């Protein structure tokens, strides 16, 4: 498998999951400004959507959209426990969090990275984050992970999204449980390996 990524973008989530699951895979960086891959290929020829993540499977098929990718990967390595079994409430809880992170947190951060966003749009995004981040903070204040006692694909996604806060000056100090969660996830070997591979590891 081959993952097309941009350092620190939402593609970091499936990158972490690939390492958690122990797959044999390669990665290739994408410059999202000029839509060129590290090897000089037009990224639009690989993924017509034009954004990461994009995962090329061993059979040559393309899979896009982070939540879909991480669930597919988890199902290929069920013994790793990254996603509860089909039909269980616990699985629905993980999917619930993936949806919340994607639609309420990820999308609220997006205007803060967009130079074309008006001050009003950015202010609205910050206000939304101020309403939504406490939901995640409350969830991880009483347990180590979002669902149950084990790491799942939803934790990888939340970790990545929270990592954007310092870049756009979103202060998470009001929710110390989020900082504790991020530190806990960052300590995982798979996360450290992914950060290093993307040139994001500090120190």
Protein backbone atom coordinates (compact mmCIF):
# COMPACT_ATOMS: atom_id res chain seq x y z
CA UNK A 1 0.00 0.00 0.00
CA UNK A 2 1.03 3.58 -0.56
CA UNK A 3 -0.18 6.60 1.40
CA UNK A 4 -0.05 10.06 -0.11
CA UNK A 5 0.28 12.62 2.65
CA UNK A 6 1.09 16.19 3.59
CA UNK A 7 3.05 16.62 6.84
CA UNK A 8 0.78 17.14 9.82
CA UNK A 9 -2.40 17.21 7.72
CA UNK A 10 -5.33 14.88 8.37
CA UNK A 11 -3.39 12.22 6.43
CA UNK A 12 -1.32 11.78 9.59
CA UNK A 13 -4.27 9.87 11.07
CA UNK A 14 -4.20 6.95 8.57
CA UNK A 15 -0.40 7.11 8.68
CA UNK A 16 -0.55 6.39 12.41
CA UNK A 17 -3.11 3.63 11.86
CA UNK A 18 -0.96 1.99 9.19
CA UNK A 19 1.87 1.79 11.71
CA UNK A 20 -0.40 0.67 14.56
CA UNK A 21 -1.68 -2.17 12.41
CA UNK A 22 1.81 -3.21 11.31
CA UNK A 23 1.23 -2.99 7.56
CA UNK A 24 3.92 -2.99 4.93
CA UNK A 25 3.45 0.36 3.19
CA UNK A 26 5.21 3.34 1.66
CA UNK A 27 4.46 7.04 1.86
CA UNK A 28 4.85 9.88 -0.61
CA UNK A 29 4.62 13.55 0.24
CA UNK A 30 2.26 15.83 -1.66
CA UNK A 31 2.73 19.56 -2.06
CA UNK A 32 -0.85 20.74 -1.76
CA UNK A 33 -0.08 24.17 -3.19
CA UNK A 34 1.06 22.99 -6.59
CA UNK A 35 -0.59 19.55 -6.37
CA UNK A 36 2.67 17.77 -7.13
CA UNK A 37 3.93 14.61 -5.46
CA UNK A 38 7.45 14.28 -4.17
CA UNK A 39 8.34 12.25 -7.27
CA UNK A 40 7.00 14.98 -9.58
CA UNK A 41 3.68 13.43 -10.48
CA UNK A 42 0.49 15.45 -10.88
CA UNK A 43 -1.47 14.51 -7.77
CA UNK A 44 -4.76 15.08 -9.59
CA UNK A 45 -3.91 12.04 -11.72
CA UNK A 46 -3.77 9.95 -8.54
CA UNK A 47 -6.64 11.51 -6.63
CA UNK A 48 -9.01 13.70 -8.68
CA UNK A 49 -10.31 15.19 -5.42
CA UNK A 50 -6.94 16.92 -5.08
CA UNK A 51 -6.39 16.47 -1.37
CA UNK A 52 -4.90 14.01 1.10
CA UNK A 53 -5.12 11.38 2.38
CA UNK A 54 -5.14 9.05 -0.57
CA UNK A 55 -4.31 5.38 -0.14
CA UNK A 56 -3.41 3.19 -3.11
CA UNK A 57 -4.13 -0.42 -2.21
CA UNK A 58 -2.01 -3.38 -3.23
CA UNK A 59 -4.49 -4.16 -6.02
CA UNK A 60 -4.10 -0.64 -7.42
CA UNK A 61 -7.45 0.67 -6.22
CA UNK A 62 -7.64 4.14 -4.65
CA UNK A 63 -9.29 4.80 -1.30
CA UNK A 64 -9.81 8.36 -0.05
CA UNK A 65 -11.36 10.17 2.94
CA UNK A 66 -9.59 9.67 6.25
CA UNK A 67 -12.44 8.09 8.26
CA UNK A 68 -13.10 5.56 5.49
CA UNK A 69 -9.39 4.73 5.18
CA UNK A 70 -8.81 4.17 8.89
CA UNK A 71 -11.88 1.95 9.23
CA UNK A 72 -10.84 -0.12 6.23
CA UNK A 73 -7.32 -0.53 7.62
CA UNK A 74 -8.58 -1.47 11.07
CA UNK A 75 -10.82 -4.14 9.57
CA UNK A 76 -7.83 -5.67 7.77
CA UNK A 77 -6.08 -6.17 11.12
CA UNK A 78 -8.89 -7.01 13.58
CA UNK A 79 -6.45 -8.56 16.02
CA UNK A 80 -5.06 -5.08 16.74
CA UNK A 81 -8.34 -3.90 18.26
CA UNK A 82 -8.30 -0.55 16.46
CA UNK A 83 -12.02 -0.79 15.69
CA UNK A 84 -14.64 -2.88 17.54
CA UNK A 85 -16.49 -5.64 15.66
CA UNK A 86 -19.27 -4.90 13.18
CA UNK A 87 -22.68 -4.65 14.76
CA UNK A 88 -21.51 -3.66 18.23
CA UNK A 89 -22.44 -0.46 20.00
CA UNK A 90 -18.75 0.14 20.66
CA UNK A 91 -18.09 0.25 16.91
CA UNK A 92 -20.91 2.74 16.47
CA UNK A 93 -19.34 4.83 19.23
CA UNK A 94 -16.03 4.96 17.35
CA UNK A 95 -17.88 5.93 14.18
CA UNK A 96 -19.78 8.54 16.17
CA UNK A 97 -16.49 10.10 17.24
CA UNK A 98 -15.00 9.91 13.74
CA UNK A 99 -18.02 11.80 12.45
CA UNK A 100 -17.91 14.39 15.24
CA UNK A 101 -14.20 15.02 14.79
CA UNK A 102 -14.58 15.31 11.03
CA UNK A 103 -17.66 17.50 10.87
CA UNK A 104 -17.42 19.56 14.05
CA UNK A 105 -13.69 19.88 14.82
CA UNK A 106 -11.78 19.30 11.58
CA UNK A 107 -14.13 21.49 9.53
CA UNK A 108 -14.08 24.20 12.20
CA UNK A 109 -10.29 24.37 12.03
CA UNK A 110 -10.31 24.63 8.23
CA UNK A 111 -11.18 28.37 7.94
CA UNK A 112 -8.30 29.19 10.29
CA UNK A 113 -5.86 27.79 7.73
CA UNK A 114 -7.55 29.49 4.77
CA UNK A 115 -6.01 32.87 3.90
CA UNK A 116 -9.15 33.70 1.93
CA UNK A 117 -11.39 33.32 4.98
CA UNK A 118 -12.80 36.61 6.20
CA UNK A 119 -12.30 37.73 9.82
CA UNK A 120 -15.96 36.97 10.38
CA UNK A 121 -15.54 33.42 9.09
CA UNK A 122 -12.53 32.88 11.30
CA UNK A 123 -14.30 34.31 14.32
CA UNK A 124 -17.25 31.98 13.71
CA UNK A 125 -14.86 29.02 13.43
CA UNK A 126 -13.20 29.89 16.75
CA UNK A 127 -16.58 30.23 18.40
CA UNK A 128 -17.61 26.82 17.11
CA UNK A 129 -14.41 25.24 18.40
CA UNK A 130 -15.02 26.82 21.80
CA UNK A 131 -18.37 25.02 21.89
CA UNK A 132 -17.19 21.70 20.50
CA UNK A 133 -13.79 21.13 22.12
CA UNK A 134 -15.32 20.77 25.61
CA UNK A 135 -17.22 17.71 24.34
CA UNK A 136 -13.96 15.93 23.50
CA UNK A 137 -12.33 17.23 26.68
CA UNK A 138 -15.08 15.77 28.82
CA UNK A 139 -14.79 12.39 27.10
CA UNK A 140 -11.08 11.98 27.79
CA UNK A 141 -11.18 13.52 31.26
CA UNK A 142 -12.58 10.32 32.74
CA UNK A 143 -10.87 7.69 30.58
CA UNK A 144 -7.63 7.34 28.63
CA UNK A 145 -9.25 7.05 25.19
CA UNK A 146 -12.42 8.20 23.47
CA UNK A 147 -14.09 4.79 23.55
CA UNK A 148 -13.40 2.33 26.33
CA UNK A 149 -9.95 1.50 27.61
CA UNK A 150 -8.22 0.87 24.30
CA UNK A 151 -6.74 3.00 21.52
CA UNK A 152 -8.90 3.18 18.40
CA UNK A 153 -8.78 4.92 15.04
CA UNK A 154 -10.84 7.78 16.53
CA UNK A 155 -8.03 8.58 18.96
CA UNK A 156 -5.57 8.92 16.09
CA UNK A 157 -7.88 11.39 14.33
CA UNK A 158 -8.49 13.49 17.44
CA UNK A 159 -4.75 13.61 18.17
CA UNK A 160 -4.03 14.97 14.69
CA UNK A 161 -6.76 17.62 14.81
CA UNK A 162 -5.71 18.81 18.27
CA UNK A 163 -2.18 19.19 16.93
CA UNK A 164 -3.39 22.00 14.69
CA UNK A 165 -4.37 24.24 17.60
CA UNK A 166 -0.95 25.87 18.17
CA UNK A 167 -0.56 26.54 14.44
CA UNK A 168 -3.66 28.75 14.36
CA UNK A 169 -3.41 30.12 17.89
CA UNK A 170 -6.30 28.18 19.39
CA UNK A 171 -5.57 28.01 23.11
CA UNK A 172 -6.42 24.63 24.64
CA UNK A 173 -5.42 25.66 28.17
CA UNK A 174 -9.03 25.70 29.32
CA UNK A 175 -9.22 21.95 28.69
CA UNK A 176 -6.19 20.30 30.35
CA UNK A 177 -7.56 16.84 29.64
CA UNK A 178 -6.96 17.47 25.93
CA UNK A 179 -3.28 18.22 26.54
CA UNK A 180 -2.99 15.08 28.66
CA UNK A 181 -4.70 13.05 25.95
CA UNK A 182 -2.39 14.42 23.26
CA UNK A 183 0.70 13.63 25.34
CA UNK A 184 -0.57 10.11 25.97
CA UNK A 185 -1.18 9.46 22.28
CA UNK A 186 2.09 11.12 21.23
CA UNK A 187 4.00 8.67 23.41
CA UNK A 188 2.84 5.68 21.37
CA UNK A 189 5.66 4.20 19.24
CA UNK A 190 3.50 4.26 16.12
CA UNK A 191 2.82 7.96 16.56
CA UNK A 192 6.47 8.76 17.17
CA UNK A 193 7.43 6.81 14.05
CA UNK A 194 4.82 8.59 11.93
CA UNK A 195 5.86 12.01 13.21
CA UNK A 196 9.49 11.25 12.47
CA UNK A 197 8.71 9.96 8.99
CA UNK A 198 6.83 13.19 8.21
CA UNK A 199 9.59 15.38 9.61
CA UNK A 200 7.46 16.54 12.54
CA UNK A 201 9.30 14.98 15.47
CA UNK A 202 10.72 17.60 17.81
CA UNK A 203 14.10 17.38 19.45
